[in-house]
Amino acid sequence: LLEKGAAVDTVDSSGGTPLYRASRNGHVEVVKLLLERGTAIDAVSSSGETPLHQASRDGHVEVVKLLLEKGA
């Protein structure tokens, strides 16, 4: 989808971005790809959480490390 021009910061009905969803689900490779494509690393969901909040709360250590390395 990204190769076809899909927006990396599209917000879904609950206020989450693709990075937020990938972080919440521990998808490290997807997080890397989205960051490479320029997604907003500190975008806040409608519940007031960032991707870093989600990854840390759900125990996704590798995603947390990556987000911190990239400036979250």
PDB file of N, CA and C in Angstrom:
ATOM      1  N   LEU A   1       0.823  -1.203   0.000  1.00  0.00           N
ATOM      2  CA  LEU A   1       0.000   0.000   0.000  1.00  0.00           C
ATOM      3  C   LEU A   1       0.860   1.256   0.000  1.00  0.00           C
ATOM      4  N   LEU A   2       1.945   1.230   0.790  1.00  0.00           N
ATOM      5  CA  LEU A   2       2.809   2.402   0.847  1.00  0.00           C
ATOM      6  C   LEU A   2       3.435   2.691  -0.512  1.00  0.00           C
ATOM      7  N   GLU A   3       3.794   1.644  -1.237  1.00  0.00           N
ATOM      8  CA  GLU A   3       4.376   1.834  -2.566  1.00  0.00           C
ATOM      9  C   GLU A   3       3.383   2.445  -3.546  1.00  0.00           C
ATOM     10  N   LYS A   4       2.111   2.296  -3.265  1.00  0.00           N
ATOM     11  CA  LYS A   4       1.062   2.863  -4.116  1.00  0.00           C
ATOM     12  C   LYS A   4       0.612   4.237  -3.631  1.00  0.00           C
ATOM     13  N   GLY A   5       1.293   4.769  -2.600  1.00  0.00           N
ATOM     14  CA  GLY A   5       1.001   6.121  -2.152  1.00  0.00           C
ATOM     15  C   GLY A   5       0.086   6.251  -0.953  1.00  0.00           C
ATOM     16  N   ALA A   6      -0.161   5.166  -0.242  1.00  0.00           N
ATOM     17  CA  ALA A   6      -1.016   5.252   0.948  1.00  0.00           C
ATOM     18  C   ALA A   6      -0.378   6.188   1.977  1.00  0.00           C
ATOM     19  N   ALA A   7      -1.187   6.976   2.632  1.00  0.00           N
ATOM     20  CA  ALA A   7      -0.699   7.918   3.645  1.00  0.00           C
ATOM     21  C   ALA A   7      -0.285   7.167   4.908  1.00  0.00           C
ATOM     22  N   VAL A   8       0.899   7.501   5.430  1.00  0.00           N
ATOM     23  CA  VAL A   8       1.399   6.803   6.619  1.00  0.00           C
ATOM     24  C   VAL A   8       0.758   7.299   7.908  1.00  0.00           C
ATOM     25  N   ASP A   9       0.119   8.456   7.863  1.00  0.00           N
ATOM     26  CA  ASP A   9      -0.464   9.013   9.085  1.00  0.00           C
ATOM     27  C   ASP A   9      -1.986   9.087   9.048  1.00  0.00           C
ATOM     28  N   THR A  10      -2.610   8.217   8.291  1.00  0.00           N
ATOM     29  CA  THR A  10      -4.067   8.147   8.264  1.00  0.00           C
ATOM     30  C   THR A  10      -4.571   7.809   9.660  1.00  0.00           C
ATOM     31  N   VAL A  11      -5.612   8.478  10.086  1.00  0.00           N
ATOM     32  CA  VAL A  11      -6.177   8.241  11.419  1.00  0.00           C
ATOM     33  C   VAL A  11      -7.461   7.437  11.271  1.00  0.00           C
ATOM     34  N   ASP A  12      -7.574   6.356  12.060  1.00  0.00           N
ATOM     35  CA  ASP A  12      -8.784   5.536  11.984  1.00  0.00           C
ATOM     36  C   ASP A  12      -9.881   6.102  12.884  1.00  0.00           C
ATOM     37  N   SER A  13     -11.003   5.435  12.928  1.00  0.00           N
ATOM     38  CA  SER A  13     -12.168   5.943  13.661  1.00  0.00           C
ATOM     39  C   SER A  13     -11.943   6.079  15.159  1.00  0.00           C
ATOM     40  N   SER A  14     -10.951   5.378  15.701  1.00  0.00           N
ATOM     41  CA  SER A  14     -10.671   5.519  17.135  1.00  0.00           C
ATOM     42  C   SER A  14      -9.456   6.402  17.391  1.00  0.00           C
ATOM     43  N   GLY A  15      -8.992   7.098  16.362  1.00  0.00           N
ATOM     44  CA  GLY A  15      -7.914   8.065  16.539  1.00  0.00           C
ATOM     45  C   GLY A  15      -6.513   7.504  16.459  1.00  0.00           C
ATOM     46  N   GLY A  16      -6.368   6.265  16.034  1.00  0.00           N
ATOM     47  CA  GLY A  16      -5.043   5.652  15.942  1.00  0.00           C
ATOM     48  C   GLY A  16      -4.473   5.715  14.538  1.00  0.00           C
ATOM     49  N   THR A  17      -3.146   5.845  14.459  1.00  0.00           N
ATOM     50  CA  THR A  17      -2.443   5.834  13.180  1.00  0.00           C
ATOM     51  C   THR A  17      -1.880   4.433  12.931  1.00  0.00           C
ATOM     52  N   PRO A  18      -1.394   4.162  11.730  1.00  0.00           N
ATOM     53  CA  PRO A  18      -0.755   2.870  11.490  1.00  0.00           C
ATOM     54  C   PRO A  18       0.403   2.603  12.462  1.00  0.00           C
ATOM     55  N   LEU A  19       1.187   3.633  12.793  1.00  0.00           N
ATOM     56  CA  LEU A  19       2.289   3.439  13.740  1.00  0.00           C
ATOM     57  C   LEU A  19       1.753   3.064  15.118  1.00  0.00           C
ATOM     58  N   TYR A  20       0.696   3.694  15.521  1.00  0.00           N
ATOM     59  CA  TYR A  20       0.064   3.390  16.807  1.00  0.00           C
ATOM     60  C   TYR A  20      -0.372   1.919  16.841  1.00  0.00           C
ATOM     61  N   ARG A  21      -1.022   1.461  15.777  1.00  0.00           N
ATOM     62  CA  ARG A  21      -1.502   0.071  15.717  1.00  0.00           C
ATOM     63  C   ARG A  21      -0.340  -0.919  15.664  1.00  0.00           C
ATOM     64  N   ALA A  22       0.667  -0.621  14.857  1.00  0.00           N
ATOM     65  CA  ALA A  22       1.824  -1.521  14.757  1.00  0.00           C
ATOM     66  C   ALA A  22       2.566  -1.599  16.085  1.00  0.00           C
ATOM     67  N   SER A  23       2.688  -0.482  16.774  1.00  0.00           N
ATOM     68  CA  SER A  23       3.367  -0.458  18.076  1.00  0.00           C
ATOM     69  C   SER A  23       2.580  -1.253  19.106  1.00  0.00           C
ATOM     70  N   ARG A  24       1.289  -1.074  19.111  1.00  0.00           N
ATOM     71  CA  ARG A  24       0.422  -1.781  20.053  1.00  0.00           C
ATOM     72  C   ARG A  24       0.498  -3.290  19.865  1.00  0.00           C
ATOM     73  N   ASN A  25       0.699  -3.717  18.624  1.00  0.00           N
ATOM     74  CA  ASN A  25       0.724  -5.146  18.320  1.00  0.00           C
ATOM     75  C   ASN A  25       2.124  -5.732  18.229  1.00  0.00           C
ATOM     76  N   GLY A  26       3.138  -4.916  18.486  1.00  0.00           N
ATOM     77  CA  GLY A  26       4.511  -5.415  18.522  1.00  0.00           C
ATOM     78  C   GLY A  26       5.119  -5.743  17.170  1.00  0.00           C
ATOM     79  N   HIS A  27       4.663  -5.109  16.122  1.00  0.00           N
ATOM     80  CA  HIS A  27       5.151  -5.381  14.765  1.00  0.00           C
ATOM     81  C   HIS A  27       6.373  -4.512  14.449  1.00  0.00           C
ATOM     82  N   VAL A  28       7.540  -4.961  14.887  1.00  0.00           N
ATOM     83  CA  VAL A  28       8.772  -4.178  14.774  1.00  0.00           C
ATOM     84  C   VAL A  28       9.075  -3.796  13.325  1.00  0.00           C
ATOM     85  N   GLU A  29       8.971  -4.729  12.417  1.00  0.00           N
ATOM     86  CA  GLU A  29       9.313  -4.441  11.017  1.00  0.00           C
ATOM     87  C   GLU A  29       8.368  -3.409  10.404  1.00  0.00           C
ATOM     88  N   VAL A  30       7.108  -3.461  10.771  1.00  0.00           N
ATOM     89  CA  VAL A  30       6.147  -2.475  10.274  1.00  0.00           C
ATOM     90  C   VAL A  30       6.465  -1.109  10.872  1.00  0.00           C
ATOM     91  N   VAL A  31       6.801  -1.075  12.152  1.00  0.00           N
ATOM     92  CA  VAL A  31       7.186   0.181  12.802  1.00  0.00           C
ATOM     93  C   VAL A  31       8.390   0.779  12.074  1.00  0.00           C
ATOM     94  N   LYS A  32       9.405  -0.037  11.793  1.00  0.00           N
ATOM     95  CA  LYS A  32      10.594   0.444  11.066  1.00  0.00           C
ATOM     96  C   LYS A  32      10.206   1.041   9.719  1.00  0.00           C
ATOM     97  N   LEU A  33       9.384   0.330   8.981  1.00  0.00           N
ATOM     98  CA  LEU A  33       8.970   0.790   7.662  1.00  0.00           C
ATOM     99  C   LEU A  33       8.227   2.122   7.743  1.00  0.00           C
ATOM    100  N   LEU A  34       7.302   2.221   8.670  1.00  0.00           N
ATOM    101  CA  LEU A  34       6.541   3.462   8.815  1.00  0.00           C
ATOM    102  C   LEU A  34       7.446   4.628   9.201  1.00  0.00           C
ATOM    103  N   LEU A  35       8.405   4.380  10.085  1.00  0.00           N
ATOM    104  CA  LEU A  35       9.340   5.436  10.474  1.00  0.00           C
ATOM    105  C   LEU A  35      10.207   5.860   9.290  1.00  0.00           C
ATOM    106  N   GLU A  36      10.628   4.904   8.483  1.00  0.00           N
ATOM    107  CA  GLU A  36      11.412   5.220   7.279  1.00  0.00           C
ATOM    108  C   GLU A  36      10.611   6.074   6.308  1.00  0.00           C
ATOM    109  N   ARG A  37       9.306   5.902   6.315  1.00  0.00           N
ATOM    110  CA  ARG A  37       8.424   6.648   5.409  1.00  0.00           C
ATOM    111  C   ARG A  37       7.988   7.992   5.982  1.00  0.00           C
ATOM    112  N   GLY A  38       8.485   8.339   7.172  1.00  0.00           N
ATOM    113  CA  GLY A  38       8.233   9.668   7.716  1.00  0.00           C
ATOM    114  C   GLY A  38       6.997   9.833   8.567  1.00  0.00           C
ATOM    115  N   THR A  39       6.481   8.754   9.114  1.00  0.00           N
ATOM    116  CA  THR A  39       5.308   8.861   9.973  1.00  0.00           C
ATOM    117  C   THR A  39       5.613   9.696  11.219  1.00  0.00           C
ATOM    118  N   ALA A  40       4.596  10.304  11.784  1.00  0.00           N
ATOM    119  CA  ALA A  40       4.752  11.117  12.995  1.00  0.00           C
ATOM    120  C   ALA A  40       4.951  10.191  14.191  1.00  0.00           C
ATOM    121  N   ILE A  41       6.149  10.211  14.766  1.00  0.00           N
ATOM    122  CA  ILE A  41       6.507   9.266  15.822  1.00  0.00           C
ATOM    123  C   ILE A  41       5.745   9.508  17.124  1.00  0.00           C
ATOM    124  N   ASP A  42       5.367  10.747  17.378  1.00  0.00           N
ATOM    125  CA  ASP A  42       4.690  11.072  18.637  1.00  0.00           C
ATOM    126  C   ASP A  42       3.224  11.453  18.458  1.00  0.00           C
ATOM    127  N   ALA A  43       2.605  10.973  17.397  1.00  0.00           N
ATOM    128  CA  ALA A  43       1.185  11.258  17.188  1.00  0.00           C
ATOM    129  C   ALA A  43       0.382  10.728  18.374  1.00  0.00           C
ATOM    130  N   VAL A  44      -0.582  11.501  18.810  1.00  0.00           N
ATOM    131  CA  VAL A  44      -1.389  11.144  19.980  1.00  0.00           C
ATOM    132  C   VAL A  44      -2.763  10.659  19.521  1.00  0.00           C
ATOM    133  N   SER A  45      -3.168   9.515  20.059  1.00  0.00           N
ATOM    134  CA  SER A  45      -4.482   8.958  19.712  1.00  0.00           C
ATOM    135  C   SER A  45      -5.580   9.724  20.439  1.00  0.00           C
ATOM    136  N   SER A  46      -6.812   9.410  20.120  1.00  0.00           N
ATOM    137  CA  SER A  46      -7.938  10.067  20.791  1.00  0.00           C
ATOM    138  C   SER A  46      -7.986   9.741  22.278  1.00  0.00           C
ATOM    139  N   SER A  47      -7.308   8.662  22.689  1.00  0.00           N
ATOM    140  CA  SER A  47      -7.249   8.317  24.114  1.00  0.00           C
ATOM    141  C   SER A  47      -6.059   8.976  24.806  1.00  0.00           C
ATOM    142  N   GLY A  48      -5.293   9.783  24.051  1.00  0.00           N
ATOM    143  CA  GLY A  48      -4.178  10.522  24.635  1.00  0.00           C
ATOM    144  C   GLY A  48      -2.873   9.753  24.718  1.00  0.00           C
ATOM    145  N   GLU A  49      -2.766   8.646  23.992  1.00  0.00           N
ATOM    146  CA  GLU A  49      -1.551   7.835  24.045  1.00  0.00           C
ATOM    147  C   GLU A  49      -0.759   7.936  22.752  1.00  0.00           C
ATOM    148  N   THR A  50       0.556   7.791  22.881  1.00  0.00           N
ATOM    149  CA  THR A  50       1.444   7.752  21.724  1.00  0.00           C
ATOM    150  C   THR A  50       1.793   6.295  21.414  1.00  0.00           C
ATOM    151  N   PRO A  51       2.426   6.044  20.287  1.00  0.00           N
ATOM    152  CA  PRO A  51       2.888   4.687  20.004  1.00  0.00           C
ATOM    153  C   PRO A  51       3.814   4.154  21.102  1.00  0.00           C
ATOM    154  N   LEU A  52       4.649   5.007  21.668  1.00  0.00           N
ATOM    155  CA  LEU A  52       5.541   4.581  22.748  1.00  0.00           C
ATOM    156  C   LEU A  52       4.747   4.128  23.968  1.00  0.00           C
ATOM    157  N   HIS A  53       3.703   4.857  24.320  1.00  0.00           N
ATOM    158  CA  HIS A  53       2.850   4.443  25.441  1.00  0.00           C
ATOM    159  C   HIS A  53       2.289   3.046  25.195  1.00  0.00           C
ATOM    160  N   GLN A  54       1.753   2.849  24.004  1.00  0.00           N
ATOM    161  CA  GLN A  54       1.134   1.564  23.673  1.00  0.00           C
ATOM    162  C   GLN A  54       2.127   0.418  23.729  1.00  0.00           C
ATOM    163  N   ALA A  55       3.280   0.597  23.097  1.00  0.00           N
ATOM    164  CA  ALA A  55       4.279  -0.473  23.056  1.00  0.00           C
ATOM    165  C   ALA A  55       4.783  -0.815  24.451  1.00  0.00           C
ATOM    166  N   SER A  56       5.013   0.206  25.268  1.00  0.00           N
ATOM    167  CA  SER A  56       5.531  -0.063  26.617  1.00  0.00           C
ATOM    168  C   SER A  56       4.472  -0.709  27.495  1.00  0.00           C
ATOM    169  N   ARG A  57       3.249  -0.250  27.400  1.00  0.00           N
ATOM    170  CA  ARG A  57       2.175  -0.818  28.209  1.00  0.00           C
ATOM    171  C   ARG A  57       1.923  -2.282  27.861  1.00  0.00           C
ATOM    172  N   ASP A  58       2.067  -2.611  26.576  1.00  0.00           N
ATOM    173  CA  ASP A  58       1.788  -3.974  26.135  1.00  0.00           C
ATOM    174  C   ASP A  58       3.023  -4.869  26.119  1.00  0.00           C
ATOM    175  N   GLY A  59       4.151  -4.348  26.610  1.00  0.00           N
ATOM    176  CA  GLY A  59       5.349  -5.166  26.780  1.00  0.00           C
ATOM    177  C   GLY A  59       6.136  -5.477  25.519  1.00  0.00           C
ATOM    178  N   HIS A  60       6.045  -4.632  24.523  1.00  0.00           N
ATOM    179  CA  HIS A  60       6.767  -4.850  23.266  1.00  0.00           C
ATOM    180  C   HIS A  60       8.121  -4.141  23.329  1.00  0.00           C
ATOM    181  N   VAL A  61       9.064  -4.783  23.994  1.00  0.00           N
ATOM    182  CA  VAL A  61      10.362  -4.188  24.311  1.00  0.00           C
ATOM    183  C   VAL A  61      11.120  -3.752  23.063  1.00  0.00           C
ATOM    184  N   GLU A  62      11.133  -4.567  22.032  1.00  0.00           N
ATOM    185  CA  GLU A  62      11.876  -4.210  20.814  1.00  0.00           C
ATOM    186  C   GLU A  62      11.287  -2.971  20.148  1.00  0.00           C
ATOM    187  N   VAL A  63       9.982  -2.852  20.165  1.00  0.00           N
ATOM    188  CA  VAL A  63       9.341  -1.662  19.599  1.00  0.00           C
ATOM    189  C   VAL A  63       9.674  -0.448  20.459  1.00  0.00           C
ATOM    190  N   VAL A  64       9.636  -0.595  21.766  1.00  0.00           N
ATOM    191  CA  VAL A  64       9.985   0.503  22.673  1.00  0.00           C
ATOM    192  C   VAL A  64      11.407   0.975  22.387  1.00  0.00           C
ATOM    193  N   LYS A  65      12.346   0.040  22.301  1.00  0.00           N
ATOM    194  CA  LYS A  65      13.745   0.400  22.022  1.00  0.00           C
ATOM    195  C   LYS A  65      13.860   1.167  20.709  1.00  0.00           C
ATOM    196  N   LEU A  66      13.203   0.666  19.684  1.00  0.00           N
ATOM    197  CA  LEU A  66      13.264   1.309  18.377  1.00  0.00           C
ATOM    198  C   LEU A  66      12.691   2.724  18.428  1.00  0.00           C
ATOM    199  N   LEU A  67      11.534   2.873  19.036  1.00  0.00           N
ATOM    200  CA  LEU A  67      10.915   4.194  19.126  1.00  0.00           C
ATOM    201  C   LEU A  67      11.801   5.170  19.891  1.00  0.00           C
ATOM    202  N   LEU A  68      12.410   4.714  20.971  1.00  0.00           N
ATOM    203  CA  LEU A  68      13.306   5.582  21.733  1.00  0.00           C
ATOM    204  C   LEU A  68      14.546   5.948  20.923  1.00  0.00           C
ATOM    205  N   GLU A  69      15.101   4.982  20.200  1.00  0.00           N
ATOM    206  CA  GLU A  69      16.268   5.251  19.340  1.00  0.00           C
ATOM    207  C   GLU A  69      15.952   6.301  18.279  1.00  0.00           C
ATOM    208  N   LYS A  70      14.711   6.323  17.833  1.00  0.00           N
ATOM    209  CA  LYS A  70      14.296   7.246  16.771  1.00  0.00           C
ATOM    210  C   LYS A  70      13.760   8.570  17.305  1.00  0.00           C
ATOM    211  N   GLY A  71      13.813   8.764  18.628  1.00  0.00           N
ATOM    212  CA  GLY A  71      13.470  10.065  19.184  1.00  0.00           C
ATOM    213  C   GLY A  71      12.121  10.222  19.838  1.00  0.00           C
ATOM    214  N   ALA A  72      11.421   9.137  20.070  1.00  0.00           N
ATOM    215  CA  ALA A  72      10.111   9.235  20.742  1.00  0.00           C
ATOM    216  C   ALA A  72      10.301   9.635  22.193  1.00  0.00           C
TER     217      ALA A  72
END
